[in-house]
Amino acid sequence: IWGCGEMEDTIQFLASLSVVLVFLGSVFSYFVLRPLYSAISELRITIRELRDDIKEHEARRHTMEIKLAEVDQSTRSAHHRLDTLEKGR
């Protein structure tokens, strides 16, 4: 069906097209995908750091809650003692 010259032209065209597409793919990968991968990697690191900070702050908050409860209990106890002393007068 095809002549010999037409097939050679088609094969040559497809080979040239393949070279161009590989080149464009490489350029796209270098200028688009590489920076994206780098940014994603940096975001992962930032997210890990934020998670660690959140855990640390949660631990501090929990400790402060315990201390606040102790201060509250101490204050109530002191008020109770003061009330008892005032009734004794």
Protein backbone atom coordinates (compact mmCIF):
# COMPACT_ATOMS: atom_id res chain seq x y z
CA ILE A 1 0.00 0.00 0.00
CA TRP A 2 2.71 2.42 0.95
CA GLY A 3 5.56 3.18 -1.27
CA CYS A 4 9.08 2.66 0.02
CA GLY A 5 9.78 6.39 0.04
CA GLU A 6 6.63 7.20 1.99
CA MET A 7 7.47 4.68 4.70
CA GLU A 8 11.00 6.02 5.03
CA ASP A 9 9.65 9.56 5.30
CA THR A 10 7.15 8.48 7.95
CA ILE A 11 9.81 6.65 9.96
CA GLN A 12 12.16 9.63 9.67
CA PHE A 13 9.36 11.97 10.76
CA LEU A 14 8.50 9.74 13.75
CA ALA A 15 12.15 9.50 14.74
CA SER A 16 12.54 13.28 14.56
CA LEU A 17 9.32 13.73 16.50
CA SER A 18 10.58 11.30 19.16
CA VAL A 19 13.82 13.23 19.55
CA VAL A 20 11.95 16.52 19.89
CA LEU A 21 9.50 15.04 22.41
CA VAL A 22 12.31 13.54 24.50
CA PHE A 23 14.10 16.89 24.47
CA LEU A 24 10.93 18.75 25.48
CA GLY A 25 10.27 16.18 28.20
CA SER A 26 13.77 16.68 29.55
CA VAL A 27 13.41 20.46 29.51
CA PHE A 28 10.01 20.21 31.22
CA SER A 29 11.42 17.86 33.83
CA TYR A 30 14.40 20.11 34.54
CA PHE A 31 12.60 23.45 34.65
CA VAL A 32 9.19 22.43 36.03
CA LEU A 33 9.28 19.10 37.84
CA ARG A 34 12.64 19.49 39.56
CA PRO A 35 11.69 22.76 41.32
CA LEU A 36 8.32 21.24 42.27
CA TYR A 37 9.98 18.20 43.82
CA SER A 38 12.34 20.49 45.69
CA ALA A 39 9.45 22.62 46.99
CA ILE A 40 7.52 19.53 48.05
CA SER A 41 10.55 18.23 49.89
CA GLU A 42 10.96 21.53 51.72
CA LEU A 43 7.26 21.53 52.62
CA ARG A 44 7.59 18.02 54.08
CA ILE A 45 10.45 19.21 56.27
CA THR A 46 8.45 22.27 57.37
CA ILE A 47 5.42 20.13 58.18
CA ARG A 48 7.56 17.76 60.28
CA GLU A 49 9.02 20.73 62.17
CA LEU A 50 5.54 22.17 62.75
CA ARG A 51 4.29 18.81 64.06
CA ASP A 52 7.21 18.68 66.48
CA ASP A 53 6.49 22.25 67.61
CA ILE A 54 2.81 21.44 68.12
CA LYS A 55 3.68 18.37 70.20
CA GLU A 56 6.07 20.45 72.31
CA HIS A 57 3.46 23.19 72.84
CA GLU A 58 0.83 20.60 73.76
CA ALA A 59 3.18 19.16 76.37
CA ARG A 60 3.83 22.64 77.77
CA ARG A 61 0.12 23.44 77.80
CA HIS A 62 -0.63 20.22 79.65
CA THR A 63 2.03 21.01 82.23
CA MET A 64 0.62 24.52 82.65
CA GLU A 65 -2.90 23.09 83.11
CA ILE A 66 -1.63 20.86 85.91
CA LYS A 67 0.17 23.76 87.57
CA LEU A 68 -2.90 25.98 87.21
CA ALA A 69 -5.06 23.32 88.81
CA GLU A 70 -2.58 23.10 91.71
CA VAL A 71 -2.60 26.89 92.14
CA ASP A 72 -6.40 26.91 92.00
CA GLN A 73 -6.61 24.22 94.66
CA SER A 74 -4.08 26.04 96.82
CA THR A 75 -6.03 29.29 96.47
CA ARG A 76 -9.28 27.57 97.44
CA SER A 77 -7.58 26.03 100.43
CA ALA A 78 -6.18 29.40 101.49
CA HIS A 79 -9.60 31.04 101.15
CA HIS A 80 -11.13 28.27 103.21
CA ARG A 81 -8.55 28.78 105.95
CA LEU A 82 -9.14 32.53 105.87
CA ASP A 83 -12.90 32.00 106.11
CA THR A 84 -12.36 29.67 109.08
CA LEU A 85 -10.13 32.22 110.80
CA GLU A 86 -12.64 35.03 110.23
CA LYS A 87 -15.47 32.91 111.70
CA GLY A 88 -13.34 32.23 114.77
CA ARG A 89 -13.04 35.91 115.64
